[in-house]
Protein backbone atom coordinates (compact mmCIF):
# COMPACT_ATOMS: atom_id res chain seq x y z
CA THR A 1 -60.22 19.01 26.90
CA SER A 2 -63.92 18.43 27.61
CA VAL A 3 -64.85 20.91 24.86
CA LEU A 4 -62.57 19.02 22.49
CA MET A 5 -64.21 15.73 23.43
CA ARG A 6 -67.73 17.13 22.86
CA ARG A 7 -66.80 18.48 19.43
CA LEU A 8 -65.25 15.13 18.55
CA ARG A 9 -68.47 13.28 19.53
CA GLU A 10 -70.48 15.69 17.42
CA ASN A 11 -68.29 14.72 14.44
CA ALA A 12 -67.81 18.38 13.70
CA MET A 13 -65.01 19.79 11.55
CA LEU A 14 -62.20 20.57 13.97
CA GLU A 15 -60.11 23.65 13.44
CA ALA A 16 -56.36 22.96 13.64
CA GLU A 17 -53.54 25.44 13.76
CA ILE A 18 -49.84 24.77 13.32
CA SER A 19 -47.29 27.27 14.56
CA VAL A 20 -43.96 28.04 12.95
CA ASN A 21 -42.26 25.75 15.44
CA GLY A 22 -44.59 22.85 14.54
CA ASP A 23 -46.84 23.07 17.59
CA VAL A 24 -50.29 21.71 16.79
CA PHE A 25 -53.38 23.32 18.32
CA VAL A 26 -56.85 21.85 17.93
CA GLU A 27 -59.66 24.17 19.01
CA GLY A 28 -57.07 26.22 20.85
CA HIS A 29 -55.68 23.26 22.76
CA HIS A 30 -52.02 22.21 22.33
CA VAL A 31 -52.18 18.56 21.35
CA GLY A 32 -48.71 17.77 20.03
CA GLN A 33 -45.82 18.52 17.72
CA LEU A 34 -45.62 18.11 13.93
CA ALA A 35 -42.15 17.49 12.46
CA GLY A 36 -42.10 16.89 8.74
CA PHE A 37 -44.80 14.30 8.16
CA ARG A 38 -44.84 12.83 11.66
CA PHE A 39 -47.04 13.92 14.54
CA THR A 40 -46.02 13.40 18.17
CA PRO A 41 -48.76 13.95 20.81
CA VAL A 42 -48.03 15.80 24.00
CA PRO A 43 -46.85 13.56 26.85
CA GLY A 44 -48.87 13.01 29.99
CA MET A 45 -52.14 12.06 28.39
CA GLU A 46 -53.19 8.46 29.00
CA GLY A 47 -56.12 6.17 28.43
CA PRO A 48 -59.19 7.22 26.45
CA ASP A 49 -58.23 10.90 26.50
CA GLN A 50 -54.99 10.22 24.65
CA LYS A 51 -56.74 8.19 21.96
CA ALA A 52 -59.40 10.84 21.55
CA VAL A 53 -56.85 13.62 21.19
CA GLN A 54 -54.83 11.64 18.66
CA ALA A 55 -57.95 10.95 16.64
CA ALA A 56 -58.85 14.63 16.68
CA ALA A 57 -55.34 15.62 15.64
CA GLN A 58 -55.19 13.08 12.81
CA LYS A 59 -58.47 14.32 11.38
CA ALA A 60 -57.33 17.89 11.59
CA LEU A 61 -53.89 17.10 10.08
CA ALA A 62 -55.13 15.10 7.09
CA LEU A 63 -55.35 18.19 4.91
CA GLU A 64 -52.11 19.58 6.32
CA PHE A 65 -50.18 16.46 5.25
CA GLU A 66 -51.45 16.75 1.68
CA ALA A 67 -50.62 20.44 1.57
CA ARG A 68 -47.12 19.81 2.87
CA ALA A 69 -46.56 17.03 0.32
CA ALA A 70 -47.52 19.42 -2.47
CA ARG A 71 -45.15 22.10 -1.19
CA LEU A 72 -42.32 19.53 -0.87
CA HIS A 73 -42.90 18.29 -4.42
CA ALA A 74 -42.58 21.85 -5.73
CA SER A 75 -39.63 22.88 -3.55
CA GLY A 76 -36.11 23.48 -4.82
CA ASN A 77 -32.95 21.62 -3.90
CA GLY A 78 -31.96 24.45 -1.60
CA ASP A 79 -34.82 23.57 0.74
CA LEU A 80 -33.50 20.03 1.19
CA ALA A 81 -30.33 18.84 2.87
CA LEU A 82 -28.59 15.50 3.40
CA SER A 83 -26.83 15.29 6.76
CA SER A 84 -24.01 13.01 7.86
CA ASP A 85 -26.41 10.91 9.95
CA GLY A 86 -28.17 9.77 6.77
CA LEU A 87 -31.29 11.91 7.27
CA VAL A 88 -32.86 14.06 4.55
CA ARG A 89 -34.25 17.28 5.96
CA TRP A 90 -36.78 19.61 4.41
CA LEU A 91 -36.66 23.11 5.84
CA GLY A 92 -34.74 21.67 8.77
CA GLU A 93 -37.21 18.88 9.56
CA PRO A 94 -36.43 15.20 8.90
CA VAL A 95 -38.61 13.73 6.14
CA ALA A 96 -36.59 10.65 5.06
CA ARG A 97 -33.58 8.55 5.87
CA LEU A 98 -31.18 6.64 3.65
CA SER A 99 -30.62 2.90 3.73
CA ALA A 100 -28.22 0.58 1.93
CA GLY A 101 -29.15 -0.43 -1.60
CA ASP A 102 -27.80 -2.94 -4.10
CA ASN A 103 -25.51 -0.27 -5.56
CA ILE A 104 -23.39 1.70 -3.12
CA MET A 105 -23.94 4.81 -5.23
CA LYS A 106 -27.74 4.41 -5.15
CA PRO A 107 -29.01 4.12 -1.57
CA ARG A 108 -32.67 3.49 -0.80
CA VAL A 109 -34.86 6.34 0.47
CA ILE A 110 -37.26 5.55 3.33
CA LEU A 111 -39.95 8.18 3.85
CA LEU A 112 -40.53 9.25 7.46
CA ALA A 113 -44.27 9.87 7.49
CA ASP A 114 -47.38 8.79 9.33
CA GLU A 115 -49.96 6.56 7.72
CA GLN A 116 -52.22 9.54 7.12
CA LEU A 117 -49.89 10.56 4.28
CA SER A 118 -50.96 8.17 1.57
CA GLY A 119 -51.85 7.87 -2.09
CA ASN A 120 -50.49 10.35 -4.62
CA ALA A 121 -49.35 12.75 -1.92
CA ARG A 122 -47.05 10.10 -0.45
CA ASP A 123 -45.72 9.08 -3.87
CA HIS A 124 -44.99 12.68 -4.83
CA ALA A 125 -43.13 13.34 -1.60
CA LEU A 126 -41.01 10.19 -1.96
CA ALA A 127 -40.22 10.88 -5.63
CA ARG A 128 -39.06 14.41 -4.82
CA ILE A 129 -36.71 13.22 -2.09
CA GLU A 130 -35.25 10.51 -4.33
CA ARG A 131 -34.54 13.08 -7.06
CA PHE A 132 -32.77 15.25 -4.53
CA VAL A 133 -30.60 12.39 -3.22
CA ASN A 134 -29.61 11.31 -6.73
CA HIS A 135 -28.83 14.91 -7.65
CA GLN A 136 -26.74 15.36 -4.52
CA ILE A 137 -24.65 12.26 -5.26
CA ALA A 138 -24.25 13.17 -8.94
CA THR A 139 -23.17 16.71 -8.06
CA VAL A 140 -20.90 16.23 -5.06
CA LEU A 141 -19.40 13.01 -6.44
CA LYS A 142 -19.45 14.11 -10.09
CA PRO A 143 -16.13 12.49 -11.11
CA LEU A 144 -17.24 9.19 -9.60
CA ASP A 145 -20.69 9.44 -11.16
CA ASP A 146 -19.29 10.34 -14.58
CA ILE A 147 -16.83 7.46 -14.71
CA SER A 148 -19.53 5.03 -13.57
CA ARG A 149 -21.60 6.05 -16.62
CA ALA A 150 -18.67 6.22 -19.06
CA GLU A 151 -19.43 4.45 -22.32
CA ASP A 152 -16.15 5.20 -24.10
CA LEU A 153 -14.08 3.08 -21.69
CA GLN A 154 -13.43 -0.45 -22.91
CA GLY A 155 -11.66 -3.58 -21.68
CA LEU A 156 -9.22 -3.11 -18.82
CA ALA A 157 -9.99 0.59 -18.55
CA LYS A 158 -13.67 -0.15 -17.93
CA GLY A 159 -12.79 -2.81 -15.36
CA LEU A 160 -10.41 -0.44 -13.56
CA ALA A 161 -13.09 2.26 -13.56
CA PHE A 162 -15.55 -0.21 -12.03
CA GLN A 163 -13.08 -0.99 -9.23
CA LEU A 164 -12.53 2.72 -8.69
CA VAL A 165 -16.27 3.28 -8.24
CA GLU A 166 -16.60 0.30 -5.90
CA ASN A 167 -13.76 1.69 -3.75
CA LEU A 168 -15.25 5.21 -3.81
CA GLY A 169 -12.44 6.88 -5.72
CA VAL A 170 -9.22 5.48 -4.19
CA LEU A 171 -7.27 2.35 -5.14
CA PHE A 172 -3.91 1.27 -3.77
CA ARG A 173 -1.74 0.95 -6.84
CA ARG A 174 -0.10 -2.25 -5.63
CA ASP A 175 -3.55 -3.91 -5.64
CA VAL A 176 -4.10 -3.13 -9.34
CA ALA A 177 -0.48 -3.05 -10.50
CA GLU A 178 -0.95 -5.67 -13.22
CA ASP A 179 -4.03 -3.95 -14.63
CA VAL A 180 -2.28 -0.59 -14.69
CA LYS A 181 0.77 -2.05 -16.45
CA SER A 182 -1.48 -3.59 -19.09
CA LEU A 183 -3.19 -0.29 -19.92
CA ASP A 184 -2.00 1.33 -23.14
CA GLN A 185 -1.53 5.07 -23.44
CA ASP A 186 -4.90 5.62 -25.14
CA ALA A 187 -6.72 3.86 -22.31
CA ARG A 188 -4.84 5.90 -19.72
CA ALA A 189 -5.63 9.10 -21.57
CA SER A 190 -9.32 8.24 -21.69
CA MET A 191 -9.34 7.64 -17.92
CA ARG A 192 -7.47 10.88 -17.28
CA ARG A 193 -10.25 12.73 -19.08
CA TYR A 194 -12.51 11.62 -16.23
CA GLY A 195 -10.09 13.01 -13.65
CA VAL A 196 -8.25 9.79 -12.78
CA ARG A 197 -4.66 10.20 -11.64
CA PHE A 198 -2.14 7.36 -11.81
CA GLY A 199 0.11 8.14 -8.87
CA ALA A 200 3.13 6.29 -7.53
CA TYR A 201 1.19 4.73 -4.66
CA HIS A 202 -2.47 5.24 -5.61
CA VAL A 203 -4.89 5.38 -8.52
CA PHE A 204 -7.42 7.96 -7.41
CA LEU A 205 -9.70 10.90 -8.18
CA PRO A 206 -8.10 14.01 -6.64
CA ALA A 207 -11.39 15.96 -6.83
CA LEU A 208 -12.85 13.68 -4.15
CA LEU A 209 -10.18 14.56 -1.58
CA LYS A 210 -12.22 17.50 -0.30
CA PRO A 211 -14.45 17.76 2.76
CA ALA A 212 -17.85 17.59 1.02
CA PRO A 213 -17.08 14.59 -1.23
CA ALA A 214 -15.21 12.86 1.59
CA GLU A 215 -18.19 13.28 3.92
CA LEU A 216 -20.60 11.85 1.34
CA VAL A 217 -18.47 8.82 0.42
CA THR A 218 -18.03 8.11 4.13
CA LEU A 219 -21.82 8.15 4.52
CA LEU A 220 -22.37 5.86 1.51
CA TRP A 221 -19.80 3.36 2.81
CA ALA A 222 -21.27 3.47 6.32
CA LEU A 223 -24.76 2.79 4.96
CA LYS A 224 -23.52 -0.21 3.01
CA ASN A 225 -21.36 -1.60 5.84
CA ASP A 226 -23.45 -0.68 8.90
CA GLY A 227 -20.83 1.82 9.98
CA LEU A 228 -22.85 4.78 11.24
CA GLY A 229 -22.22 3.68 14.81
CA LYS A 230 -18.60 2.61 14.43
CA PRO A 231 -15.88 4.54 16.31
CA GLY A 232 -14.42 7.41 14.32
CA TYR A 233 -17.38 7.98 12.01
CA GLY A 234 -17.40 11.64 10.99
CA ASP A 235 -14.43 12.56 13.18
CA LEU A 236 -11.89 12.87 10.35
CA ILE A 237 -13.84 15.23 8.09
CA PRO A 238 -13.12 18.30 10.30
CA VAL A 239 -9.42 17.36 10.21
CA LEU A 240 -9.53 17.34 6.41
CA ALA A 241 -11.42 20.63 6.35
CA ALA A 242 -8.76 22.21 8.57
CA GLY A 243 -6.13 21.53 5.89
CA ARG A 244 -4.07 19.08 7.92
CA THR A 245 -1.68 17.03 5.75
CA SER A 246 -1.30 14.30 8.36
CA VAL A 247 -2.89 13.32 11.64
CA VAL A 248 -2.01 11.12 14.60
CA THR A 249 -3.98 7.90 14.25
CA ASP A 250 -6.44 6.57 16.80
CA ALA A 251 -6.32 2.79 17.22
CA SER A 252 -10.00 2.67 18.18
CA PHE A 253 -11.16 4.20 14.88
CA GLU A 254 -12.33 2.11 11.95
CA ARG A 255 -9.34 2.21 9.57
CA MET A 256 -11.54 2.53 6.50
CA PHE A 257 -12.65 5.96 7.68
CA TYR A 258 -9.09 7.23 7.14
CA LYS A 259 -9.11 6.10 3.52
CA LEU A 260 -12.59 7.52 2.91
CA ALA A 261 -11.46 10.88 4.29
CA GLY A 262 -8.49 10.91 1.91
CA PHE A 263 -5.84 9.69 4.36
CA ARG A 264 -3.65 6.60 4.29
CA PHE A 265 -3.13 4.79 7.56
CA LEU A 266 0.65 4.41 8.10
CA GLY A 267 1.44 3.37 11.64
CA LYS A 268 1.20 6.19 14.15
CA ARG A 269 0.25 8.74 11.50
CA ALA A 270 -2.20 8.92 8.64
CA VAL A 271 -1.09 11.02 5.68
CA ARG A 272 -3.23 12.58 3.01
CA ILE A 273 -3.09 10.66 -0.26
CA ASP A 274 -2.19 13.64 -2.43
CA ILE A 275 0.62 14.54 -0.02
CA LEU A 276 2.06 11.03 -0.36
CA GLU A 277 2.14 11.54 -4.12
CA ARG A 278 4.06 14.77 -3.57
CA LEU A 279 6.44 12.77 -1.40
CA ALA A 280 6.92 10.39 -4.33
CA ASP A 281 7.79 13.40 -6.51
CA LEU A 282 10.53 14.31 -4.02
CA ILE A 283 11.91 10.76 -3.84
CA ARG A 284 11.89 10.03 -7.58
CA PRO A 285 14.84 12.28 -8.57
CA LEU A 286 16.89 10.93 -5.66
CA LEU A 287 16.58 7.39 -7.04
CA GLN A 288 17.22 8.54 -10.61
CA TRP A 289 20.39 10.43 -9.73
CA LYS A 290 23.67 8.75 -10.73
CA PRO A 291 26.92 9.09 -8.75
CA GLY A 292 29.20 11.61 -10.39
CA GLN A 293 26.44 13.86 -11.69
CA GLN A 294 26.52 17.42 -10.49
CA PRO A 295 24.88 18.89 -8.61
CA ARG A 296 23.82 16.13 -6.27
CA PRO A 297 20.22 16.63 -5.05
CA GLU A 298 19.67 16.94 -1.34
CA GLY A 299 18.94 13.48 0.02
CA ALA A 300 20.55 11.56 -2.86
CA TYR A 301 23.12 8.96 -1.84
CA ASP A 302 24.16 6.39 -4.45
CA GLY A 303 21.29 6.41 -6.94
CA ARG A 304 19.63 3.42 -5.28
CA ARG A 305 19.11 4.77 -1.78
CA PHE A 306 18.23 8.11 -0.27
CA THR A 307 18.03 9.89 3.07
CA THR A 308 15.08 11.83 4.42
CA THR A 309 15.16 15.59 3.91
CA THR A 310 13.57 18.55 5.62
CA ALA A 311 11.33 19.07 2.58
CA MET A 312 9.85 15.60 3.10
CA LEU A 313 9.29 16.22 6.79
CA SER A 314 7.77 19.63 6.05
CA ILE A 315 5.06 18.49 3.64
CA LEU A 316 4.14 15.56 5.88
CA GLY A 317 4.20 17.52 9.11
CA ALA A 318 6.03 14.59 10.67
CA THR A 319 9.11 13.88 12.77
CA LEU A 320 11.99 11.58 11.84
CA ASP A 321 10.45 8.75 13.85
CA ASP A 322 7.13 9.25 12.08
CA MET A 323 8.96 9.30 8.77
CA GLU A 324 10.42 5.86 9.43
CA GLU A 325 6.98 4.33 9.90
CA ILE A 326 5.58 6.17 6.89
CA LEU A 327 8.32 4.97 4.54
CA LYS A 328 8.08 1.42 5.86
CA GLY A 329 4.34 1.50 5.31
CA LEU A 330 4.93 2.57 1.71
CA GLY A 331 7.18 -0.45 1.12
CA TYR A 332 10.64 1.05 1.60
CA ARG A 333 13.42 -0.67 3.54
CA ALA A 334 16.27 0.94 5.46
CA ASP A 335 19.99 0.14 5.49
CA GLN A 336 21.94 1.46 8.47
CA VAL A 337 25.38 3.00 8.16
CA THR A 338 27.35 5.13 10.56
CA ALA A 339 27.49 8.87 10.08
CA GLU A 340 31.23 8.66 9.36
CA GLU A 341 30.71 6.06 6.63
CA ALA A 342 27.94 8.08 5.02
CA GLN A 343 29.98 11.27 5.13
CA ALA A 344 33.03 9.53 3.67
CA PHE A 345 30.95 7.99 0.88
CA LEU A 346 29.42 11.34 -0.03
CA ALA A 347 32.84 12.99 0.06
CA SER A 348 34.21 10.39 -2.35
CA HIS A 349 31.56 11.41 -4.88
CA ALA A 350 32.05 15.14 -4.44
CA GLY A 351 34.23 15.30 -7.57
CA ALA A 352 32.57 13.94 -10.68
CA SER A 353 35.92 13.31 -12.38
CA ALA A 354 37.55 11.45 -9.50
CA PRO A 355 38.27 7.87 -10.61
CA ALA A 356 37.98 6.58 -7.06
CA ALA A 357 34.37 7.72 -6.97
CA GLY A 358 33.51 5.59 -9.97
CA GLU A 359 35.23 2.56 -8.47
CA ALA A 360 33.42 3.00 -5.16
CA ALA A 361 30.08 3.28 -6.93
CA ALA A 362 30.78 0.16 -8.98
CA ALA A 363 31.81 -1.78 -5.88
CA GLU A 364 28.71 -0.57 -4.08
CA GLU A 365 26.48 -1.63 -6.96
CA GLU A 366 28.00 -5.10 -7.02
CA SER A 367 27.47 -5.61 -3.30
CA VAL A 368 23.67 -5.36 -3.46
CA GLU A 369 21.40 -7.62 -5.50
CA THR A 370 19.13 -5.75 -7.88
CA GLU A 371 15.61 -7.07 -7.65
CA GLU A 372 12.22 -6.08 -8.95
CA HIS A 373 10.31 -4.17 -6.32
CA GLU A 374 6.85 -2.72 -6.06
CA PRO A 375 7.49 0.92 -5.06
CA ALA A 376 10.25 1.28 -7.66
CA SER A 377 7.97 0.12 -10.43
CA GLU A 378 5.42 2.63 -9.22
CA GLU A 379 7.85 5.50 -9.03
CA HIS A 380 9.07 5.04 -12.58
CA VAL A 381 5.62 5.51 -14.06
CA SER A 382 5.44 7.59 -17.20
CA GLU A 383 2.87 10.08 -15.94
CA THR A 384 3.96 13.66 -15.44
CA ALA A 385 4.53 14.20 -11.74
CA VAL A 386 2.56 16.94 -10.04
CA VAL A 387 4.94 19.68 -8.92
CA ALA A 388 4.85 20.28 -5.18
CA GLU A 389 2.85 23.48 -4.57
CA GLY A 390 3.66 26.17 -2.12
CA GLU A 391 7.22 25.08 -1.42
CA ALA A 392 9.19 27.94 0.09
CA ALA A 393 12.48 28.82 -1.57
CA GLU A 394 14.61 27.84 1.35
CA ALA A 395 18.38 27.68 1.45
CA PRO A 396 19.78 24.17 0.95
CA VAL A 397 19.77 22.26 4.20
CA ALA A 398 22.71 20.04 5.15
CA GLU A 399 22.37 16.31 4.66
CA ALA A 400 21.06 14.22 7.51
CA ALA A 401 24.28 12.26 7.37
CA SER A 402 26.37 15.40 7.68
CA GLU A 403 24.24 16.69 10.54
CA GLU A 404 24.60 13.47 12.46
CA ALA A 405 28.32 13.39 11.81
CA VAL A 406 28.71 16.92 13.16
CA ALA A 407 26.61 15.98 16.16
CA VAL A 408 28.91 13.06 16.84
CA GLU A 409 32.01 15.26 16.60
CA ALA A 410 30.50 17.89 18.88
CA ALA A 411 29.55 15.37 21.54
CA PRO A 412 31.61 15.60 24.70
CA GLU A 413 34.29 13.01 25.27
CA GLY A 414 32.59 11.83 28.44
CA ALA A 415 29.55 10.67 26.47
CA GLU A 416 31.31 7.71 24.93
CA ALA A 417 28.66 5.33 26.22
CA ALA A 418 25.99 6.96 24.02
CA GLU A 419 26.33 5.41 20.59
CA PRO A 420 25.77 7.76 17.64
CA LYS A 421 22.49 7.29 15.85
CA PRO A 422 22.98 5.49 12.53
CA VAL A 423 22.06 7.06 9.22
CA LEU A 424 19.13 5.35 7.52
CA LEU A 425 19.48 4.82 3.78
CA TRP A 426 16.08 4.07 2.27
CA ARG A 427 15.57 1.87 -0.76
CA PRO A 428 12.46 0.43 -2.40
CA GLY A 429 11.67 -2.95 -0.86
CA GLY A 430 11.65 -5.94 -3.19
CA ARG A 431 9.13 -8.72 -3.50
CA ASN A 432 11.77 -11.20 -2.36
CA GLU A 433 12.80 -9.11 0.61
CA ASN A 434 12.07 -11.88 3.09
CA GLN A 435 14.11 -14.35 1.09
CA ARG A 436 17.05 -11.97 0.94
CA SER A 437 16.93 -11.38 4.66
CA GLU A 438 16.98 -15.14 5.20
CA ASN A 439 20.03 -15.41 3.00
CA ARG A 440 21.87 -12.91 5.16
CA ARG A 441 21.51 -15.05 8.28
CA PRO A 442 24.55 -17.05 9.43
CA GLY A 443 24.50 -20.67 8.42
CA ASN A 444 22.26 -20.09 5.43
CA ARG A 445 23.11 -19.88 1.83
CA GLY A 446 24.42 -16.36 2.15
CA GLN A 447 27.37 -17.72 4.14
CA GLY A 448 28.65 -19.40 1.01
CA ARG A 449 29.31 -15.97 -0.43
CA GLY A 450 32.02 -15.31 2.13
CA GLU A 451 35.36 -16.95 2.70
CA GLY A 452 33.82 -20.42 2.85
CA ALA A 453 32.41 -20.00 -0.63
CA ARG A 454 35.79 -18.91 -1.97
CA GLU A 455 37.53 -21.91 -0.39
CA GLN A 456 34.91 -24.26 -1.72
CA GLY A 457 35.33 -22.65 -5.13
CA GLU A 458 39.08 -23.24 -4.93
CA ARG A 459 38.52 -26.88 -4.02
CA ARG A 460 36.12 -27.27 -6.90
CA GLY A 461 38.69 -25.67 -9.18
CA GLU A 462 41.33 -28.12 -7.98
CA GLY A 463 38.92 -30.98 -8.50
CA ARG A 464 38.33 -29.86 -12.06
CA ARG A 465 42.07 -29.74 -12.75
CA ASP A 466 42.48 -33.23 -11.26
CA ASN A 467 39.62 -34.47 -13.33
CA ARG A 468 41.21 -33.12 -16.48
CA ASP A 469 44.49 -34.86 -15.67
CA GLY A 470 42.72 -38.10 -14.83
CA ALA A 471 40.61 -37.90 -17.95
CA ASN A 472 43.65 -38.34 -20.19
CA ARG A 473 44.78 -41.41 -18.27
CA GLU A 474 41.30 -42.89 -18.28
CA ALA A 475 41.02 -42.35 -22.02
CA ALA A 476 44.24 -44.27 -22.51
CA ASN A 477 43.03 -47.03 -20.18
CA ARG A 478 39.81 -47.31 -22.12
CA SER A 479 41.75 -47.73 -25.38
CA GLY A 480 43.80 -50.57 -23.85
CA GLU A 481 40.71 -52.19 -22.39
CA GLY A 482 39.05 -51.99 -25.76
CA GLU A 483 41.89 -53.97 -27.34
CA ARG A 484 41.52 -56.71 -24.71
CA LYS A 485 37.79 -56.85 -25.24
CA ARG A 486 38.27 -57.34 -28.94
CA ASP A 487 40.58 -60.24 -28.08
CA GLY A 488 37.84 -61.76 -25.92
CA GLY A 489 39.47 -60.82 -22.62
CA ARG A 490 37.94 -58.89 -19.74
CA PRO A 491 39.49 -55.74 -18.37
CA ASP A 492 41.15 -55.99 -15.01
CA ARG A 493 39.07 -53.68 -12.78
CA GLY A 494 40.48 -54.73 -9.45
CA ASN A 495 42.96 -51.90 -9.24
CA ASN A 496 40.39 -49.38 -10.34
CA ARG A 497 37.99 -50.47 -7.60
CA ASN A 498 40.68 -50.12 -4.98
CA ASN A 499 41.64 -46.74 -6.33
CA ASP A 500 38.02 -45.61 -6.36
CA ARG A 501 37.55 -46.69 -2.77
CA HIS A 502 40.80 -44.99 -1.89
CA ASP A 503 39.64 -41.76 -3.54
CA ARG A 504 36.33 -41.86 -1.77
CA GLY A 505 38.09 -42.42 1.52
CA GLU A 506 40.11 -39.28 0.98
CA ARG A 507 36.90 -37.23 0.78
CA LYS A 508 36.12 -37.83 4.45
CA ASP A 509 38.08 -34.75 5.45
CA ARG A 510 36.07 -32.54 3.15
CA PRO A 511 33.36 -30.53 4.96
CA GLU A 512 29.73 -31.22 4.26
CA ARG A 513 28.10 -28.65 2.07
CA ASN A 514 25.59 -26.44 3.84
CA ASP A 515 24.91 -24.06 1.00
CA ARG A 516 21.80 -25.93 -0.16
CA GLY A 517 19.56 -24.71 2.65
CA GLY A 518 18.68 -26.23 5.97
CA LYS A 519 20.37 -25.78 9.28
CA PRO A 520 24.15 -26.05 9.63
CA GLN A 521 25.27 -29.28 11.29
CA GLY A 522 28.11 -27.69 13.19
CA GLN A 523 31.25 -25.65 12.83
CA GLN A 524 32.52 -25.93 9.28
CA ARG A 525 36.23 -26.64 8.76
CA PHE A 526 38.06 -25.77 5.60
CA GLU A 527 41.39 -27.57 5.28
CA ALA A 528 43.80 -28.09 2.44
CA LYS A 529 43.28 -31.27 0.48
CA PRO A 530 46.02 -33.88 1.15
CA PRO A 531 48.37 -34.55 -1.77
CA ARG A 532 46.94 -36.93 -4.29
CA LYS A 533 48.68 -40.29 -4.57
CA GLU A 534 49.63 -41.43 -8.04
CA LYS A 535 47.86 -44.50 -9.31
CA PRO A 536 50.10 -47.42 -10.38
CA LEU A 537 50.11 -47.90 -14.14
CA ASP A 538 48.27 -50.84 -15.55
CA PRO A 539 51.03 -53.26 -16.81
CA ASP A 540 48.91 -54.01 -19.87
CA SER A 541 48.39 -50.38 -20.80
CA PRO A 542 50.32 -48.78 -23.72
CA PHE A 543 51.90 -46.32 -21.28
CA ALA A 544 53.41 -49.17 -19.22
CA LYS A 545 54.77 -50.84 -22.35
CA LEU A 546 56.16 -47.52 -23.58
CA ALA A 547 57.88 -46.94 -20.21
CA ALA A 548 59.42 -50.44 -20.32
CA LEU A 549 60.66 -49.79 -23.86
CA LYS A 550 62.32 -46.55 -22.71
CA GLU A 551 64.10 -48.41 -19.90
CA GLN A 552 65.43 -50.96 -22.38
CA LEU A 553 66.72 -48.21 -24.69
CA LYS A 554 68.53 -46.54 -21.77
CA LYS A 555 70.38 -49.78 -21.07
């Protein structure tokens, strides 16, 4: 060290050597480590000695920094790499890091270099790294980059493309349902040319559902949202690379990481987006099937509901319990029936020509309200469905309903306490699902559709018949009253008032109507209306005079 200090005081040109590993030697003395464009002195040196060594190293490394900057500027893309931690490495050494920019697709590049790298050398190094980062994004995320630069997209298509870029290639279809419905076929075709797929549950770019694009979009999102340190960052990319179609979710992970890796978070499992679209391809024919058509697809029930099949479980890699959460997360709702009921219903539709089958289907259709629902509108899209790949040609598997029915029959007689598991019939959930469930509760409006509603309808029918009978009498009374008015007299309304009060008094026994919402006030009673008492005829009416004339003629 003393020799180094003497040479430094003499202001002589110091000879520096840099090993392959980046070790820096000045006049044969190891003074530190050079990584990229940053020098780190050896530890343990303090006080004036440390400052002197650093000064000697900086003088010796001034030319080395410029030489390295020139080599970096001339290097190819193969010498540079962008890692998942946001660092850009040149020949394995960090030279820059990425930071969030105004545009999520264009992050800022921050050069990692000492102050000794300055002037044109610094500008050339920074420009080369920026070109590499832009090239990496444009290459790995080519579909996203192309659609962001598309000039042939207009109107709604351009707006939808902008949303797709902002969301890094995946949109939930329910979030843009109105925009998708408003797109004409030409606009859809123009977006398809950029690789956009309009699926049943998503609008997405399938080319991005691969490990390399998924890793890069995860990095870009994390830079923009300060997510590099959030739980789960980078943990889902190996799962995607392993070819897993679904994965058990971790509650501690940031949910957005599942979407960025190409998965959709659905309860206890996250399923790959393209696999969910294959699931939609399996469900669609089950909802399009009509009772009486032969053959009946596996899983079809009545054309409006379906049961889960082994093919669905196979592509998802899920159990029946997982399947329930997945379908609920996609917007489907389940109706429960016993295995015997399901088996009997399917047996009634076994023969296409059986008249009883048609009647049962009609009765079943009338019992359920048909409402507009989100998944159904998605599943009836006009796009050609992607055929499920790699499906083994397996023998038809028995229906879930039949399997459960057989299980119930095979159960020992002593196991009567264990109730058989119901069969779940899945249907697309409607927008007014909550309102319909409210209507099914006792005491609400749905109660009026039962026996109470029929009795009230009968009472209203009787009231209408009474009103028609009374209308004729009132018309006659009005004609008689009109004659008295023309004579200057006033009609006698005393009897009518008494009769009106009498009629209103008879309504006390009628139950209060609870079919207009609100809570029921108590047990409703439906009783037959007491016989209606005849009103006495007005002595001045034409009918009274006609009756008196008939009595005189009889005498």
